[in-house]
Amino acid sequence: MPIQFVALETDLVRRLHAGGMDANGQAPERRIASVDGLPCRHCLAMINTGEEYLTLAHRPFPAPQPYAEIGPIFLHASACTRGGDNAQIPAFLASPRYIVRGCDADDRIVYGTGTIAPTSDIPATAEHVFKSEAVRYVHVRSASNNCYHCRIDRA
C-alpha cells in the first residue's frame, strides 16, 4: 500500500512565523540553534547550529478533545519549503526509533495500532497499521519524548 509522509501545512507555519499563537495561546519562542539536529516539522529537515528557529506548542488534531495531545515542536524561523508528500523517510527522522500509531476519522487513537518502530521500518509499520479499516491516518512521534514529528497518509 502506498503511503506518504505529511508535513505541517504552509499556511499554519506562515501564521506562526508572523507571530500567530500556538496551541497554548502563546506566541512561538524565537531562538538561535546552539546544536545541530532540531527537527523542523515543515520542511522535514534539520535546523542547524546558528539558524533561527521557533519553539511552540502544537496540537496535531483539528480540535481539543481527550486524545488531542499538545506538545513542543520546532520550526525554522524563516520560510522553508514544505517537505513530505512522498514515501521517502524524511531526513529529520534521525533517531533510532519512533512511535507509530493510527488515528481514526474522529481523531482518536485506534487502540492496538501503537508500536515503537526502528526508523527504517516506519513505512512498513505504517502500512501494517493502515490494514485496520478504522485507521484514517498515522502519527509519527518521538519514542523518547513523545513529541509529534509528522503524519503519514495513504497515498
N, C-alpha and C. Protein backbone atom coordinates (compact mmCIF):
# COMPACT_ATOMS: atom_id res chain seq x y z
N MET A 1 0.84 -1.18 0.00
CA MET A 1 0.00 0.00 0.00
C MET A 1 0.89 1.25 0.00
N PRO A 2 0.67 2.14 -0.93
CA PRO A 2 1.47 3.37 -0.97
C PRO A 2 1.10 4.31 0.19
N ILE A 3 2.13 4.93 0.76
CA ILE A 3 1.95 5.91 1.84
C ILE A 3 2.67 7.19 1.47
N GLN A 4 2.39 8.26 2.22
CA GLN A 4 3.15 9.49 2.06
C GLN A 4 3.29 10.18 3.41
N PHE A 5 4.50 10.70 3.66
CA PHE A 5 4.76 11.49 4.86
C PHE A 5 4.21 12.89 4.63
N VAL A 6 3.58 13.45 5.66
CA VAL A 6 2.89 14.75 5.52
C VAL A 6 3.44 15.72 6.56
N ALA A 7 3.94 16.86 6.09
CA ALA A 7 4.47 17.92 6.95
C ALA A 7 3.34 18.86 7.36
N LEU A 8 3.66 19.75 8.29
CA LEU A 8 2.69 20.78 8.66
C LEU A 8 2.36 21.65 7.46
N GLU A 9 1.12 22.09 7.41
CA GLU A 9 0.64 22.94 6.31
C GLU A 9 1.38 24.29 6.30
N THR A 10 1.74 24.74 5.12
CA THR A 10 2.46 26.00 4.98
C THR A 10 1.67 27.18 5.54
N ASP A 11 0.35 27.21 5.34
CA ASP A 11 -0.44 28.33 5.87
C ASP A 11 -0.32 28.43 7.38
N LEU A 12 -0.35 27.31 8.08
CA LEU A 12 -0.19 27.30 9.53
C LEU A 12 1.19 27.82 9.90
N VAL A 13 2.21 27.34 9.24
CA VAL A 13 3.59 27.73 9.54
C VAL A 13 3.79 29.22 9.30
N ARG A 14 3.26 29.75 8.21
CA ARG A 14 3.40 31.19 7.92
C ARG A 14 2.69 32.03 8.98
N ARG A 15 1.56 31.55 9.46
CA ARG A 15 0.84 32.27 10.52
C ARG A 15 1.70 32.31 11.78
N LEU A 16 2.35 31.20 12.12
CA LEU A 16 3.23 31.15 13.28
C LEU A 16 4.45 32.03 13.09
N HIS A 17 5.00 32.05 11.88
CA HIS A 17 6.14 32.94 11.58
C HIS A 17 5.76 34.40 11.81
N ALA A 18 4.52 34.73 11.53
CA ALA A 18 4.04 36.11 11.66
C ALA A 18 3.65 36.46 13.10
N GLY A 19 3.88 35.53 14.04
CA GLY A 19 3.57 35.79 15.44
C GLY A 19 2.25 35.23 15.90
N GLY A 20 1.60 34.40 15.07
CA GLY A 20 0.35 33.77 15.47
C GLY A 20 0.53 32.91 16.70
N MET A 21 -0.54 32.70 17.40
CA MET A 21 -0.50 31.96 18.65
C MET A 21 -0.44 30.45 18.42
N ASP A 22 0.24 29.76 19.33
CA ASP A 22 0.36 28.31 19.24
C ASP A 22 -0.84 27.64 19.92
N ALA A 23 -0.78 26.35 20.10
CA ALA A 23 -1.89 25.59 20.67
C ALA A 23 -2.18 25.96 22.12
N ASN A 24 -1.23 26.60 22.80
CA ASN A 24 -1.44 27.07 24.17
C ASN A 24 -1.82 28.54 24.23
N GLY A 25 -2.02 29.16 23.06
CA GLY A 25 -2.38 30.58 23.03
C GLY A 25 -1.19 31.50 23.29
N GLN A 26 0.02 30.99 23.06
CA GLN A 26 1.23 31.78 23.27
C GLN A 26 1.93 32.01 21.94
N ALA A 27 2.67 33.12 21.86
CA ALA A 27 3.50 33.36 20.68
C ALA A 27 4.67 32.39 20.69
N PRO A 28 5.06 31.87 19.53
CA PRO A 28 6.23 30.99 19.48
C PRO A 28 7.48 31.70 20.01
N GLU A 29 8.35 30.94 20.65
CA GLU A 29 9.63 31.46 21.12
C GLU A 29 10.62 31.43 19.97
N ARG A 30 11.38 32.50 19.81
CA ARG A 30 12.43 32.57 18.79
C ARG A 30 13.78 32.37 19.47
N ARG A 31 14.58 31.49 18.87
CA ARG A 31 15.90 31.19 19.43
C ARG A 31 16.89 30.95 18.28
N ILE A 32 18.16 30.91 18.64
CA ILE A 32 19.21 30.54 17.70
C ILE A 32 19.71 29.15 18.11
N ALA A 33 19.75 28.23 17.16
CA ALA A 33 20.16 26.87 17.46
C ALA A 33 21.63 26.83 17.90
N SER A 34 21.87 26.23 19.05
CA SER A 34 23.24 26.08 19.56
C SER A 34 23.79 24.69 19.25
N VAL A 35 22.95 23.85 18.68
CA VAL A 35 23.35 22.49 18.28
C VAL A 35 22.69 22.15 16.95
N ASP A 36 23.25 21.22 16.23
CA ASP A 36 22.61 20.69 15.03
C ASP A 36 21.55 19.68 15.44
N GLY A 37 20.56 19.51 14.59
CA GLY A 37 19.66 18.39 14.78
C GLY A 37 18.30 18.67 15.36
N LEU A 38 17.86 19.93 15.38
CA LEU A 38 16.49 20.20 15.79
C LEU A 38 15.59 19.95 14.58
N PRO A 39 14.55 19.12 14.71
CA PRO A 39 13.74 18.73 13.54
C PRO A 39 12.65 19.74 13.21
N CYS A 40 12.69 20.31 12.01
CA CYS A 40 11.65 21.24 11.54
C CYS A 40 10.47 20.44 11.01
N ARG A 41 9.30 20.70 11.55
CA ARG A 41 8.11 19.94 11.16
C ARG A 41 7.46 20.45 9.87
N HIS A 42 8.06 21.45 9.23
CA HIS A 42 7.54 21.94 7.95
C HIS A 42 8.35 21.42 6.77
N CYS A 43 9.66 21.62 6.79
CA CYS A 43 10.48 21.14 5.67
C CYS A 43 10.92 19.69 5.87
N LEU A 44 10.74 19.16 7.09
CA LEU A 44 11.12 17.80 7.46
C LEU A 44 12.64 17.59 7.32
N ALA A 45 13.39 18.68 7.57
CA ALA A 45 14.85 18.64 7.59
C ALA A 45 15.30 19.17 8.95
N MET A 46 16.58 19.10 9.19
CA MET A 46 17.12 19.57 10.46
C MET A 46 17.38 21.07 10.43
N ILE A 47 17.24 21.67 11.60
CA ILE A 47 17.65 23.05 11.83
C ILE A 47 19.08 22.96 12.32
N ASN A 48 19.97 23.71 11.70
CA ASN A 48 21.39 23.60 12.01
C ASN A 48 21.87 24.67 12.99
N THR A 49 23.01 24.43 13.59
CA THR A 49 23.62 25.38 14.50
C THR A 49 23.69 26.76 13.84
N GLY A 50 23.30 27.78 14.59
CA GLY A 50 23.34 29.16 14.09
C GLY A 50 22.07 29.61 13.41
N GLU A 51 21.17 28.68 13.06
CA GLU A 51 19.92 29.06 12.41
C GLU A 51 18.88 29.48 13.45
N GLU A 52 18.09 30.47 13.09
CA GLU A 52 17.00 30.89 13.97
C GLU A 52 15.85 29.89 13.82
N TYR A 53 15.20 29.58 14.94
CA TYR A 53 14.09 28.64 14.91
C TYR A 53 13.02 29.06 15.90
N LEU A 54 11.85 28.47 15.76
CA LEU A 54 10.73 28.68 16.66
C LEU A 54 10.50 27.42 17.48
N THR A 55 10.17 27.61 18.74
CA THR A 55 9.69 26.52 19.59
C THR A 55 8.27 26.89 19.98
N LEU A 56 7.34 25.96 19.83
CA LEU A 56 5.95 26.25 20.13
C LEU A 56 5.19 24.99 20.50
N ALA A 57 4.04 25.20 21.10
CA ALA A 57 3.16 24.08 21.43
C ALA A 57 2.28 23.78 20.22
N HIS A 58 2.21 22.51 19.87
CA HIS A 58 1.41 22.12 18.69
C HIS A 58 0.45 20.99 19.07
N ARG A 59 -0.75 21.09 18.54
CA ARG A 59 -1.76 20.04 18.70
C ARG A 59 -2.08 19.54 17.29
N PRO A 60 -1.60 18.37 16.90
CA PRO A 60 -1.79 17.89 15.52
C PRO A 60 -3.17 17.29 15.27
N PHE A 61 -4.16 17.88 15.86
CA PHE A 61 -5.55 17.46 15.71
C PHE A 61 -6.37 18.72 15.46
N PRO A 62 -7.52 18.61 14.80
CA PRO A 62 -8.28 19.80 14.44
C PRO A 62 -8.97 20.52 15.60
N ALA A 63 -9.17 19.84 16.72
CA ALA A 63 -9.89 20.46 17.84
C ALA A 63 -9.48 19.80 19.15
N PRO A 64 -9.63 20.53 20.25
CA PRO A 64 -9.36 19.91 21.54
C PRO A 64 -10.34 18.77 21.81
N GLN A 65 -9.83 17.70 22.39
CA GLN A 65 -10.61 16.55 22.81
C GLN A 65 -9.66 15.67 23.62
N PRO A 66 -10.15 14.66 24.30
CA PRO A 66 -9.29 13.91 25.21
C PRO A 66 -8.04 13.30 24.58
N TYR A 67 -8.07 12.97 23.29
CA TYR A 67 -6.92 12.34 22.64
C TYR A 67 -6.00 13.35 21.96
N ALA A 68 -6.36 14.60 21.98
CA ALA A 68 -5.62 15.64 21.25
C ALA A 68 -4.43 16.13 22.06
N GLU A 69 -3.35 15.39 21.99
CA GLU A 69 -2.14 15.74 22.72
C GLU A 69 -1.53 17.04 22.20
N ILE A 70 -1.00 17.82 23.11
CA ILE A 70 -0.27 19.04 22.78
C ILE A 70 1.16 18.85 23.24
N GLY A 71 2.10 19.24 22.40
CA GLY A 71 3.50 19.12 22.79
C GLY A 71 4.37 20.08 22.01
N PRO A 72 5.63 20.18 22.41
CA PRO A 72 6.54 21.12 21.75
C PRO A 72 7.01 20.61 20.39
N ILE A 73 7.18 21.56 19.47
CA ILE A 73 7.78 21.27 18.17
C ILE A 73 8.71 22.43 17.80
N PHE A 74 9.54 22.19 16.80
CA PHE A 74 10.45 23.20 16.26
C PHE A 74 10.09 23.48 14.80
N LEU A 75 10.32 24.72 14.40
CA LEU A 75 10.17 25.14 13.01
C LEU A 75 11.33 26.08 12.68
N HIS A 76 11.81 26.05 11.43
CA HIS A 76 12.70 27.12 11.00
C HIS A 76 11.96 28.45 11.20
N ALA A 77 12.66 29.47 11.64
CA ALA A 77 12.01 30.76 11.88
C ALA A 77 11.77 31.52 10.57
N SER A 78 12.50 31.18 9.53
CA SER A 78 12.29 31.81 8.24
C SER A 78 11.65 30.79 7.30
N ALA A 79 11.17 31.28 6.18
CA ALA A 79 10.47 30.43 5.23
C ALA A 79 11.35 29.27 4.77
N CYS A 80 10.76 28.09 4.75
CA CYS A 80 11.42 26.91 4.21
C CYS A 80 10.38 26.19 3.35
N THR A 81 10.84 25.37 2.45
CA THR A 81 9.96 24.67 1.54
C THR A 81 9.34 23.47 2.25
N ARG A 82 8.04 23.31 2.11
CA ARG A 82 7.34 22.21 2.75
C ARG A 82 7.87 20.87 2.23
N GLY A 83 8.16 19.98 3.14
CA GLY A 83 8.66 18.66 2.78
C GLY A 83 7.55 17.64 2.75
N GLY A 84 7.93 16.41 2.48
CA GLY A 84 6.99 15.31 2.50
C GLY A 84 6.22 15.14 1.22
N ASP A 85 5.00 14.61 1.38
CA ASP A 85 4.11 14.26 0.27
C ASP A 85 4.71 13.20 -0.63
N ASN A 86 5.56 12.34 -0.02
CA ASN A 86 6.10 11.18 -0.73
C ASN A 86 6.40 10.10 0.30
N ALA A 87 6.81 8.94 -0.17
CA ALA A 87 7.02 7.79 0.71
C ALA A 87 8.42 7.72 1.29
N GLN A 88 9.29 8.64 0.92
CA GLN A 88 10.67 8.63 1.40
C GLN A 88 10.72 9.05 2.87
N ILE A 89 11.44 8.31 3.69
CA ILE A 89 11.60 8.66 5.10
C ILE A 89 12.27 10.02 5.18
N PRO A 90 11.63 11.00 5.82
CA PRO A 90 12.20 12.35 5.89
C PRO A 90 13.55 12.37 6.62
N ALA A 91 14.42 13.26 6.17
CA ALA A 91 15.76 13.39 6.73
C ALA A 91 15.74 13.70 8.22
N PHE A 92 14.70 14.37 8.67
CA PHE A 92 14.70 14.78 10.09
C PHE A 92 14.34 13.64 11.03
N LEU A 93 13.95 12.50 10.52
CA LEU A 93 13.71 11.32 11.37
C LEU A 93 15.05 10.60 11.54
N ALA A 94 15.89 11.16 12.40
CA ALA A 94 17.27 10.70 12.54
C ALA A 94 17.51 9.89 13.81
N SER A 95 16.51 9.75 14.65
CA SER A 95 16.67 8.93 15.86
C SER A 95 16.55 7.45 15.48
N PRO A 96 16.97 6.57 16.37
CA PRO A 96 16.94 5.14 16.02
C PRO A 96 15.54 4.54 15.95
N ARG A 97 14.56 5.14 16.63
CA ARG A 97 13.20 4.57 16.63
C ARG A 97 12.17 5.65 16.96
N TYR A 98 10.92 5.36 16.56
CA TYR A 98 9.82 6.30 16.75
C TYR A 98 8.55 5.55 17.12
N ILE A 99 7.64 6.25 17.75
CA ILE A 99 6.29 5.73 17.99
C ILE A 99 5.52 5.90 16.69
N VAL A 100 4.83 4.87 16.28
CA VAL A 100 3.97 4.91 15.10
C VAL A 100 2.61 4.41 15.58
N ARG A 101 1.55 5.22 15.37
CA ARG A 101 0.22 4.77 15.80
C ARG A 101 -0.87 5.41 14.96
N GLY A 102 -1.95 4.66 14.81
CA GLY A 102 -3.06 5.08 13.97
C GLY A 102 -4.11 5.88 14.72
N CYS A 103 -4.76 6.76 13.97
CA CYS A 103 -5.89 7.54 14.48
C CYS A 103 -7.07 7.35 13.53
N ASP A 104 -8.28 7.46 14.08
CA ASP A 104 -9.47 7.23 13.28
C ASP A 104 -10.06 8.54 12.74
N ALA A 105 -11.19 8.45 12.08
CA ALA A 105 -11.84 9.62 11.47
C ALA A 105 -12.32 10.63 12.51
N ASP A 106 -12.46 10.20 13.76
CA ASP A 106 -12.83 11.11 14.85
C ASP A 106 -11.61 11.62 15.59
N ASP A 107 -10.43 11.40 15.02
CA ASP A 107 -9.17 11.86 15.58
C ASP A 107 -8.86 11.26 16.94
N ARG A 108 -9.27 10.01 17.12
CA ARG A 108 -8.98 9.25 18.33
C ARG A 108 -7.94 8.19 18.00
N ILE A 109 -7.13 7.83 19.00
CA ILE A 109 -6.16 6.75 18.82
C ILE A 109 -6.92 5.45 18.59
N VAL A 110 -6.47 4.69 17.62
CA VAL A 110 -7.03 3.36 17.39
C VAL A 110 -6.19 2.39 18.21
N TYR A 111 -6.77 1.88 19.29
CA TYR A 111 -6.04 1.01 20.20
C TYR A 111 -5.56 -0.24 19.47
N GLY A 112 -4.35 -0.65 19.84
CA GLY A 112 -3.75 -1.82 19.22
C GLY A 112 -2.87 -1.48 18.04
N THR A 113 -2.85 -0.20 17.61
CA THR A 113 -2.04 0.18 16.46
C THR A 113 -0.70 0.78 16.85
N GLY A 114 -0.54 1.19 18.08
CA GLY A 114 0.68 1.86 18.50
C GLY A 114 1.84 0.90 18.69
N THR A 115 3.00 1.30 18.21
CA THR A 115 4.20 0.50 18.37
C THR A 115 5.42 1.40 18.31
N ILE A 116 6.52 0.93 18.82
CA ILE A 116 7.79 1.62 18.65
C ILE A 116 8.54 0.89 17.55
N ALA A 117 8.86 1.62 16.49
CA ALA A 117 9.47 1.01 15.31
C ALA A 117 10.85 1.60 15.05
N PRO A 118 11.80 0.77 14.60
CA PRO A 118 13.06 1.32 14.12
C PRO A 118 12.77 2.27 12.96
N THR A 119 13.54 3.31 12.85
CA THR A 119 13.29 4.34 11.83
C THR A 119 13.16 3.74 10.44
N SER A 120 14.03 2.83 10.09
CA SER A 120 13.98 2.24 8.75
C SER A 120 12.70 1.44 8.51
N ASP A 121 12.02 1.02 9.58
CA ASP A 121 10.80 0.23 9.46
C ASP A 121 9.51 1.07 9.49
N ILE A 122 9.64 2.39 9.60
CA ILE A 122 8.43 3.22 9.71
C ILE A 122 7.48 3.00 8.53
N PRO A 123 7.94 3.03 7.28
CA PRO A 123 6.98 2.82 6.18
C PRO A 123 6.24 1.48 6.28
N ALA A 124 6.95 0.40 6.53
CA ALA A 124 6.30 -0.91 6.63
C ALA A 124 5.37 -0.97 7.83
N THR A 125 5.76 -0.33 8.93
CA THR A 125 4.90 -0.31 10.12
C THR A 125 3.63 0.47 9.82
N ALA A 126 3.76 1.61 9.16
CA ALA A 126 2.57 2.40 8.80
C ALA A 126 1.65 1.60 7.88
N GLU A 127 2.22 0.93 6.91
CA GLU A 127 1.40 0.11 6.01
C GLU A 127 0.65 -0.96 6.79
N HIS A 128 1.30 -1.55 7.78
CA HIS A 128 0.64 -2.55 8.62
C HIS A 128 -0.50 -1.91 9.42
N VAL A 129 -0.26 -0.73 9.99
CA VAL A 129 -1.29 -0.03 10.77
C VAL A 129 -2.49 0.30 9.88
N PHE A 130 -2.24 0.67 8.64
CA PHE A 130 -3.33 1.01 7.72
C PHE A 130 -4.18 -0.21 7.33
N LYS A 131 -3.76 -1.41 7.68
CA LYS A 131 -4.60 -2.59 7.40
C LYS A 131 -5.89 -2.54 8.21
N SER A 132 -5.89 -1.81 9.31
CA SER A 132 -7.12 -1.61 10.07
C SER A 132 -7.99 -0.59 9.34
N GLU A 133 -9.20 -0.98 9.00
CA GLU A 133 -10.10 -0.06 8.29
C GLU A 133 -10.46 1.15 9.13
N ALA A 134 -10.29 1.05 10.45
CA ALA A 134 -10.60 2.17 11.33
C ALA A 134 -9.56 3.29 11.24
N VAL A 135 -8.36 2.99 10.76
CA VAL A 135 -7.28 3.98 10.74
C VAL A 135 -7.44 4.91 9.54
N ARG A 136 -7.51 6.20 9.84
CA ARG A 136 -7.59 7.23 8.79
C ARG A 136 -6.22 7.80 8.47
N TYR A 137 -5.36 7.95 9.52
CA TYR A 137 -4.01 8.47 9.35
C TYR A 137 -3.14 7.95 10.48
N VAL A 138 -1.83 8.14 10.32
CA VAL A 138 -0.85 7.64 11.28
C VAL A 138 0.00 8.82 11.76
N HIS A 139 0.29 8.84 13.06
CA HIS A 139 1.24 9.81 13.60
C HIS A 139 2.58 9.14 13.84
N VAL A 140 3.64 9.91 13.61
CA VAL A 140 4.99 9.51 13.96
C VAL A 140 5.43 10.45 15.08
N ARG A 141 5.83 9.85 16.21
CA ARG A 141 6.21 10.62 17.39
C ARG A 141 7.55 10.13 17.92
N SER A 142 8.22 10.98 18.64
CA SER A 142 9.48 10.62 19.28
C SER A 142 9.26 9.47 20.25
N ALA A 143 10.10 8.45 20.18
CA ALA A 143 9.99 7.33 21.11
C ALA A 143 10.52 7.71 22.49
N SER A 144 11.35 8.74 22.57
CA SER A 144 11.91 9.13 23.87
C SER A 144 11.15 10.27 24.52
N ASN A 145 10.56 11.18 23.73
CA ASN A 145 9.89 12.35 24.30
C ASN A 145 8.41 12.45 23.94
N ASN A 146 7.93 11.62 23.05
CA ASN A 146 6.55 11.60 22.58
C ASN A 146 6.17 12.84 21.77
N CYS A 147 7.13 13.65 21.34
CA CYS A 147 6.84 14.84 20.54
C CYS A 147 6.34 14.42 19.16
N TYR A 148 5.35 15.14 18.66
CA TYR A 148 4.83 14.91 17.32
C TYR A 148 5.89 15.27 16.28
N HIS A 149 6.07 14.41 15.27
CA HIS A 149 7.02 14.69 14.20
C HIS A 149 6.33 14.90 12.86
N CYS A 150 5.48 13.98 12.46
CA CYS A 150 4.78 14.14 11.19
C CYS A 150 3.62 13.15 11.13
N ARG A 151 2.88 13.28 10.08
CA ARG A 151 1.74 12.42 9.83
C ARG A 151 2.04 11.56 8.61
N ILE A 152 1.43 10.41 8.55
CA ILE A 152 1.51 9.56 7.36
C ILE A 152 0.09 9.32 6.89
N ASP A 153 -0.14 9.54 5.60
CA ASP A 153 -1.43 9.27 4.98
C ASP A 153 -1.28 8.17 3.95
N ARG A 154 -2.40 7.56 3.57
CA ARG A 154 -2.39 6.68 2.41
C ARG A 154 -2.16 7.56 1.19
N ALA A 155 -1.35 7.11 0.27
CA ALA A 155 -1.07 7.91 -0.93
C ALA A 155 -2.19 7.71 -1.95
